[in-house]
PDB file of N, CA and C in Angstrom:
ATOM      1  N   MET A   1       0.853  -1.169   0.000  1.00  0.00           N
ATOM      2  CA  MET A   1       0.000   0.000   0.000  1.00  0.00           C
ATOM      3  C   MET A   1       0.896   1.228   0.000  1.00  0.00           C
ATOM      4  N   ASN A   2       0.610   2.141  -0.902  1.00  0.00           N
ATOM      5  CA  ASN A   2       1.425   3.345  -0.937  1.00  0.00           C
ATOM      6  C   ASN A   2       0.879   4.391   0.026  1.00  0.00           C
ATOM      7  N   GLN A   3       1.616   5.473   0.161  1.00  0.00           N
ATOM      8  CA  GLN A   3       1.262   6.493   1.152  1.00  0.00           C
ATOM      9  C   GLN A   3      -0.072   7.158   0.824  1.00  0.00           C
ATOM     10  N   GLU A   4      -0.353   7.356  -0.460  1.00  0.00           N
ATOM     11  CA  GLU A   4      -1.612   7.997  -0.848  1.00  0.00           C
ATOM     12  C   GLU A   4      -2.810   7.122  -0.511  1.00  0.00           C
ATOM     13  N   GLN A   5      -2.696   5.806  -0.725  1.00  0.00           N
ATOM     14  CA  GLN A   5      -3.788   4.896  -0.386  1.00  0.00           C
ATOM     15  C   GLN A   5      -4.023   4.862   1.113  1.00  0.00           C
ATOM     16  N   SER A   6      -2.967   4.906   1.908  1.00  0.00           N
ATOM     17  CA  SER A   6      -3.138   4.840   3.352  1.00  0.00           C
ATOM     18  C   SER A   6      -3.812   6.094   3.894  1.00  0.00           C
ATOM     19  N   LYS A   7      -3.687   7.224   3.221  1.00  0.00           N
ATOM     20  CA  LYS A   7      -4.372   8.439   3.648  1.00  0.00           C
ATOM     21  C   LYS A   7      -5.880   8.306   3.472  1.00  0.00           C
ATOM     22  N   ASP A   8      -6.314   7.497   2.486  1.00  0.00           N
ATOM     23  CA  ASP A   8      -7.728   7.329   2.205  1.00  0.00           C
ATOM     24  C   ASP A   8      -8.408   6.346   3.156  1.00  0.00           C
ATOM     25  N   LEU A   9      -7.631   5.557   3.892  1.00  0.00           N
ATOM     26  CA  LEU A   9      -8.214   4.589   4.812  1.00  0.00           C
ATOM     27  C   LEU A   9      -8.687   5.288   6.075  1.00  0.00           C
ATOM     28  N   LYS A  10      -9.930   5.028   6.415  1.00  0.00           N
ATOM     29  CA  LYS A  10     -10.481   5.587   7.640  1.00  0.00           C
ATOM     30  C   LYS A  10     -11.336   4.521   8.287  1.00  0.00           C
ATOM     31  N   ILE A  11     -11.125   4.315   9.562  1.00  0.00           N
ATOM     32  CA  ILE A  11     -11.910   3.343  10.314  1.00  0.00           C
ATOM     33  C   ILE A  11     -13.033   4.088  11.028  1.00  0.00           C
ATOM     34  N   LEU A  12     -14.241   3.582  10.826  1.00  0.00           N
ATOM     35  CA  LEU A  12     -15.416   4.166  11.466  1.00  0.00           C
ATOM     36  C   LEU A  12     -15.844   3.300  12.634  1.00  0.00           C
ATOM     37  N   ARG A  13     -16.134   3.937  13.743  1.00  0.00           N
ATOM     38  CA  ARG A  13     -16.701   3.216  14.878  1.00  0.00           C
ATOM     39  C   ARG A  13     -18.207   3.141  14.694  1.00  0.00           C
ATOM     40  N   LEU A  14     -18.859   2.359  15.516  1.00  0.00           N
ATOM     41  CA  LEU A  14     -20.286   2.076  15.365  1.00  0.00           C
ATOM     42  C   LEU A  14     -21.166   3.327  15.281  1.00  0.00           C
ATOM     43  N   PRO A  15     -20.982   4.337  16.125  1.00  0.00           N
ATOM     44  CA  PRO A  15     -21.856   5.516  15.995  1.00  0.00           C
ATOM     45  C   PRO A  15     -21.769   6.177  14.617  1.00  0.00           C
ATOM     46  N   ALA A  16     -20.588   6.205  14.032  1.00  0.00           N
ATOM     47  CA  ALA A  16     -20.437   6.787  12.694  1.00  0.00           C
ATOM     48  C   ALA A  16     -21.106   5.911  11.640  1.00  0.00           C
ATOM     49  N   VAL A  17     -21.010   4.596  11.794  1.00  0.00           N
ATOM     50  CA  VAL A  17     -21.650   3.682  10.838  1.00  0.00           C
ATOM     51  C   VAL A  17     -23.165   3.834  10.916  1.00  0.00           C
ATOM     52  N   THR A  18     -23.702   3.979  12.109  1.00  0.00           N
ATOM     53  CA  THR A  18     -25.152   4.164  12.232  1.00  0.00           C
ATOM     54  C   THR A  18     -25.575   5.491  11.613  1.00  0.00           C
ATOM     55  N   ASP A  19     -24.782   6.531  11.790  1.00  0.00           N
ATOM     56  CA  ASP A  19     -25.103   7.838  11.198  1.00  0.00           C
ATOM     57  C   ASP A  19     -25.072   7.783   9.679  1.00  0.00           C
ATOM     58  N   ILE A  20     -24.035   7.187   9.120  1.00  0.00           N
ATOM     59  CA  ILE A  20     -23.872   7.141   7.666  1.00  0.00           C
ATOM     60  C   ILE A  20     -24.909   6.238   7.010  1.00  0.00           C
ATOM     61  N   SER A  21     -25.141   5.082   7.610  1.00  0.00           N
ATOM     62  CA  SER A  21     -26.027   4.086   6.985  1.00  0.00           C
ATOM     63  C   SER A  21     -27.500   4.312   7.294  1.00  0.00           C
ATOM     64  N   GLY A  22     -27.787   4.949   8.409  1.00  0.00           N
ATOM     65  CA  GLY A  22     -29.175   5.104   8.832  1.00  0.00           C
ATOM     66  C   GLY A  22     -29.723   3.866   9.510  1.00  0.00           C
ATOM     67  N   LEU A  23     -28.852   2.893   9.774  1.00  0.00           N
ATOM     68  CA  LEU A  23     -29.261   1.653  10.431  1.00  0.00           C
ATOM     69  C   LEU A  23     -29.003   1.752  11.929  1.00  0.00           C
ATOM     70  N   SER A  24     -29.804   1.045  12.697  1.00  0.00           N
ATOM     71  CA  SER A  24     -29.586   1.012  14.143  1.00  0.00           C
ATOM     72  C   SER A  24     -28.457   0.046  14.480  1.00  0.00           C
ATOM     73  N   ARG A  25     -27.969   0.139  15.693  1.00  0.00           N
ATOM     74  CA  ARG A  25     -26.909  -0.754  16.167  1.00  0.00           C
ATOM     75  C   ARG A  25     -27.342  -2.214  16.039  1.00  0.00           C
ATOM     76  N   SER A  26     -28.549  -2.508  16.485  1.00  0.00           N
ATOM     77  CA  SER A  26     -29.010  -3.893  16.455  1.00  0.00           C
ATOM     78  C   SER A  26     -29.176  -4.405  15.024  1.00  0.00           C
ATOM     79  N   THR A  27     -29.625  -3.554  14.119  1.00  0.00           N
ATOM     80  CA  THR A  27     -29.773  -3.969  12.723  1.00  0.00           C
ATOM     81  C   THR A  27     -28.421  -4.260  12.096  1.00  0.00           C
ATOM     82  N   ILE A  28     -27.418  -3.457  12.415  1.00  0.00           N
ATOM     83  CA  ILE A  28     -26.072  -3.699  11.883  1.00  0.00           C
ATOM     84  C   ILE A  28     -25.579  -5.069  12.327  1.00  0.00           C
ATOM     85  N   TYR A  29     -25.723  -5.371  13.600  1.00  0.00           N
ATOM     86  CA  TYR A  29     -25.253  -6.667  14.087  1.00  0.00           C
ATOM     87  C   TYR A  29     -26.113  -7.817  13.569  1.00  0.00           C
ATOM     88  N   GLU A  30     -27.390  -7.578  13.295  1.00  0.00           N
ATOM     89  CA  GLU A  30     -28.213  -8.618  12.687  1.00  0.00           C
ATOM     90  C   GLU A  30     -27.782  -8.880  11.243  1.00  0.00           C
ATOM     91  N   LYS A  31     -27.349  -7.850  10.540  1.00  0.00           N
ATOM     92  CA  LYS A  31     -26.852  -8.026   9.173  1.00  0.00           C
ATOM     93  C   LYS A  31     -25.578  -8.853   9.150  1.00  0.00           C
ATOM     94  N   LEU A  32     -24.861  -8.888  10.246  1.00  0.00           N
ATOM     95  CA  LEU A  32     -23.626  -9.665  10.352  1.00  0.00           C
ATOM     96  C   LEU A  32     -23.864 -11.092  10.829  1.00  0.00           C
ATOM     97  N   ASN A  33     -25.046 -11.382  11.368  1.00  0.00           N
ATOM     98  CA  ASN A  33     -25.357 -12.681  11.966  1.00  0.00           C
ATOM     99  C   ASN A  33     -26.041 -13.598  10.954  1.00  0.00           C
ATOM    100  N   PRO A  34     -25.370 -14.664  10.526  1.00  0.00           N
ATOM    101  CA  PRO A  34     -25.976 -15.568   9.533  1.00  0.00           C
ATOM    102  C   PRO A  34     -27.279 -16.225   9.988  1.00  0.00           C
ATOM    103  N   ARG A  35     -27.546 -16.260  11.270  1.00  0.00           N
ATOM    104  CA  ARG A  35     -28.791 -16.857  11.774  1.00  0.00           C
ATOM    105  C   ARG A  35     -29.969 -15.888  11.759  1.00  0.00           C
ATOM    106  N   SER A  36     -29.692 -14.616  11.505  1.00  0.00           N
ATOM    107  CA  SER A  36     -30.734 -13.599  11.516  1.00  0.00           C
ATOM    108  C   SER A  36     -31.458 -13.547  10.178  1.00  0.00           C
ATOM    109  N   ARG A  37     -32.735 -13.196  10.229  1.00  0.00           N
ATOM    110  CA  ARG A  37     -33.492 -13.033   8.981  1.00  0.00           C
ATOM    111  C   ARG A  37     -33.038 -11.775   8.248  1.00  0.00           C
ATOM    112  N   ARG A  38     -32.354 -10.887   8.925  1.00  0.00           N
ATOM    113  CA  ARG A  38     -31.839  -9.661   8.310  1.00  0.00           C
ATOM    114  C   ARG A  38     -30.395  -9.803   7.818  1.00  0.00           C
ATOM    115  N   TYR A  39     -29.861 -11.005   7.883  1.00  0.00           N
ATOM    116  CA  TYR A  39     -28.474 -11.252   7.470  1.00  0.00           C
ATOM    117  C   TYR A  39     -28.245 -10.764   6.040  1.00  0.00           C
ATOM    118  N   ASP A  40     -27.115 -10.086   5.844  1.00  0.00           N
ATOM    119  CA  ASP A  40     -26.728  -9.601   4.521  1.00  0.00           C
ATOM    120  C   ASP A  40     -25.277 -10.007   4.298  1.00  0.00           C
ATOM    121  N   LYS A  41     -25.075 -10.987   3.436  1.00  0.00           N
ATOM    122  CA  LYS A  41     -23.717 -11.499   3.201  1.00  0.00           C
ATOM    123  C   LYS A  41     -22.800 -10.440   2.621  1.00  0.00           C
ATOM    124  N   ASP A  42     -23.362  -9.390   2.049  1.00  0.00           N
ATOM    125  CA  ASP A  42     -22.559  -8.338   1.435  1.00  0.00           C
ATOM    126  C   ASP A  42     -22.213  -7.201   2.393  1.00  0.00           C
ATOM    127  N   PHE A  43     -22.810  -7.207   3.583  1.00  0.00           N
ATOM    128  CA  PHE A  43     -22.509  -6.128   4.534  1.00  0.00           C
ATOM    129  C   PHE A  43     -21.069  -6.267   5.013  1.00  0.00           C
ATOM    130  N   PRO A  44     -20.317  -5.166   5.028  1.00  0.00           N
ATOM    131  CA  PRO A  44     -18.907  -5.236   5.428  1.00  0.00           C
ATOM    132  C   PRO A  44     -18.727  -5.771   6.850  1.00  0.00           C
ATOM    133  N   THR A  45     -17.748  -6.629   7.004  1.00  0.00           N
ATOM    134  CA  THR A  45     -17.452  -7.160   8.337  1.00  0.00           C
ATOM    135  C   THR A  45     -16.542  -6.195   9.080  1.00  0.00           C
ATOM    136  N   PRO A  46     -16.737  -6.081  10.380  1.00  0.00           N
ATOM    137  CA  PRO A  46     -15.881  -5.179  11.151  1.00  0.00           C
ATOM    138  C   PRO A  46     -14.479  -5.759  11.307  1.00  0.00           C
ATOM    139  N   ILE A  47     -13.540  -4.869  11.558  1.00  0.00           N
ATOM    140  CA  ILE A  47     -12.172  -5.298  11.850  1.00  0.00           C
ATOM    141  C   ILE A  47     -11.873  -4.997  13.309  1.00  0.00           C
ATOM    142  N   LYS A  48     -11.099  -5.849  13.915  1.00  0.00           N
ATOM    143  CA  LYS A  48     -10.742  -5.687  15.318  1.00  0.00           C
ATOM    144  C   LYS A  48      -9.656  -4.618  15.418  1.00  0.00           C
ATOM    145  N   ILE A  49      -9.903  -3.597  16.234  1.00  0.00           N
ATOM    146  CA  ILE A  49      -8.933  -2.514  16.386  1.00  0.00           C
ATOM    147  C   ILE A  49      -8.422  -2.400  17.822  1.00  0.00           C
ATOM    148  N   GLY A  50      -8.884  -3.265  18.668  1.00  0.00           N
ATOM    149  CA  GLY A  50      -8.453  -3.278  20.053  1.00  0.00           C
ATOM    150  C   GLY A  50      -8.967  -4.531  20.734  1.00  0.00           C
ATOM    151  N   VAL A  51      -8.708  -4.644  22.016  1.00  0.00           N
ATOM    152  CA  VAL A  51      -9.137  -5.820  22.760  1.00  0.00           C
ATOM    153  C   VAL A  51     -10.650  -5.998  22.680  1.00  0.00           C
ATOM    154  N   SER A  52     -11.381  -4.926  22.863  1.00  0.00           N
ATOM    155  CA  SER A  52     -12.841  -5.021  22.807  1.00  0.00           C
ATOM    156  C   SER A  52     -13.423  -3.939  21.904  1.00  0.00           C
ATOM    157  N   ALA A  53     -12.690  -3.588  20.862  1.00  0.00           N
ATOM    158  CA  ALA A  53     -13.141  -2.529  19.954  1.00  0.00           C
ATOM    159  C   ALA A  53     -13.083  -3.013  18.510  1.00  0.00           C
ATOM    160  N   VAL A  54     -14.120  -2.649  17.759  1.00  0.00           N
ATOM    161  CA  VAL A  54     -14.147  -2.966  16.336  1.00  0.00           C
ATOM    162  C   VAL A  54     -14.482  -1.700  15.559  1.00  0.00           C
ATOM    163  N   GLY A  55     -14.191  -1.744  14.285  1.00  0.00           N
ATOM    164  CA  GLY A  55     -14.514  -0.631  13.404  1.00  0.00           C
ATOM    165  C   GLY A  55     -14.711  -1.144  11.994  1.00  0.00           C
ATOM    166  N   TRP A  56     -15.244  -0.309  11.158  1.00  0.00           N
ATOM    167  CA  TRP A  56     -15.488  -0.647   9.759  1.00  0.00           C
ATOM    168  C   TRP A  56     -14.700   0.309   8.884  1.00  0.00           C
ATOM    169  N   LEU A  57     -14.196  -0.196   7.755  1.00  0.00           N
ATOM    170  CA  LEU A  57     -13.508   0.672   6.814  1.00  0.00           C
ATOM    171  C   LEU A  57     -14.546   1.527   6.094  1.00  0.00           C
ATOM    172  N   GLN A  58     -14.308   2.822   6.088  1.00  0.00           N
ATOM    173  CA  GLN A  58     -15.276   3.760   5.529  1.00  0.00           C
ATOM    174  C   GLN A  58     -15.589   3.450   4.068  1.00  0.00           C
ATOM    175  N   HIS A  59     -14.577   3.141   3.278  1.00  0.00           N
ATOM    176  CA  HIS A  59     -14.837   2.896   1.857  1.00  0.00           C
ATOM    177  C   HIS A  59     -15.684   1.644   1.641  1.00  0.00           C
ATOM    178  N   GLU A  60     -15.594   0.658   2.537  1.00  0.00           N
ATOM    179  CA  GLU A  60     -16.433  -0.537   2.413  1.00  0.00           C
ATOM    180  C   GLU A  60     -17.893  -0.223   2.737  1.00  0.00           C
ATOM    181  N   ILE A  61     -18.119   0.593   3.748  1.00  0.00           N
ATOM    182  CA  ILE A  61     -19.485   0.997   4.103  1.00  0.00           C
ATOM    183  C   ILE A  61     -20.087   1.806   2.959  1.00  0.00           C
ATOM    184  N   GLU A  62     -19.310   2.740   2.407  1.00  0.00           N
ATOM    185  CA  GLU A  62     -19.803   3.564   1.310  1.00  0.00           C
ATOM    186  C   GLU A  62     -20.104   2.716   0.079  1.00  0.00           C
ATOM    187  N   ALA A  63     -19.254   1.745  -0.233  1.00  0.00           N
ATOM    188  CA  ALA A  63     -19.484   0.868  -1.383  1.00  0.00           C
ATOM    189  C   ALA A  63     -20.752   0.042  -1.179  1.00  0.00           C
ATOM    190  N   TRP A  64     -20.982  -0.436   0.048  1.00  0.00           N
ATOM    191  CA  TRP A  64     -22.188  -1.207   0.345  1.00  0.00           C
ATOM    192  C   TRP A  64     -23.432  -0.341   0.140  1.00  0.00           C
ATOM    193  N   LEU A  65     -23.379   0.895   0.620  1.00  0.00           N
ATOM    194  CA  LEU A  65     -24.516   1.788   0.445  1.00  0.00           C
ATOM    195  C   LEU A  65     -24.806   2.060  -1.035  1.00  0.00           C
ATOM    196  N   ILE A  66     -23.755   2.269  -1.808  1.00  0.00           N
ATOM    197  CA  ILE A  66     -23.931   2.506  -3.244  1.00  0.00           C
ATOM    198  C   ILE A  66     -24.522   1.275  -3.918  1.00  0.00           C
ATOM    199  N   SER A  67     -24.106   0.086  -3.497  1.00  0.00           N
ATOM    200  CA  SER A  67     -24.648  -1.141  -4.094  1.00  0.00           C
ATOM    201  C   SER A  67     -26.132  -1.308  -3.798  1.00  0.00           C
ATOM    202  N   LYS A  68     -26.612  -0.747  -2.711  1.00  0.00           N
ATOM    203  CA  LYS A  68     -28.028  -0.849  -2.354  1.00  0.00           C
ATOM    204  C   LYS A  68     -28.895   0.085  -3.185  1.00  0.00           C
ATOM    205  N   LYS A  69     -28.279   1.085  -3.805  1.00  0.00           N
ATOM    206  CA  LYS A  69     -29.027   2.040  -4.614  1.00  0.00           C
ATOM    207  C   LYS A  69     -29.596   1.390  -5.870  1.00  0.00           C
ATOM    208  N   SER A  70     -28.861   0.445  -6.437  1.00  0.00           N
ATOM    209  CA  SER A  70     -29.316  -0.151  -7.702  1.00  0.00           C
ATOM    210  C   SER A  70     -30.207  -1.345  -7.519  1.00  0.00           C
TER     211      SER A  70
END
């Protein structure tokens, strides 16, 4: 990864993902749960950023939202 690409990477925490997507916390986690009726295999998976912290890559969330438009 070059320096320019690394500048574009941004990790979003859950409150930012809920703001951008318009989804609630519980809906986001249901989209990640294969046992849920709301499961979405295309929803971006979170990355571990700490012992008990996760985040989502902003460009993945934005790409998912754009894919829902069509």
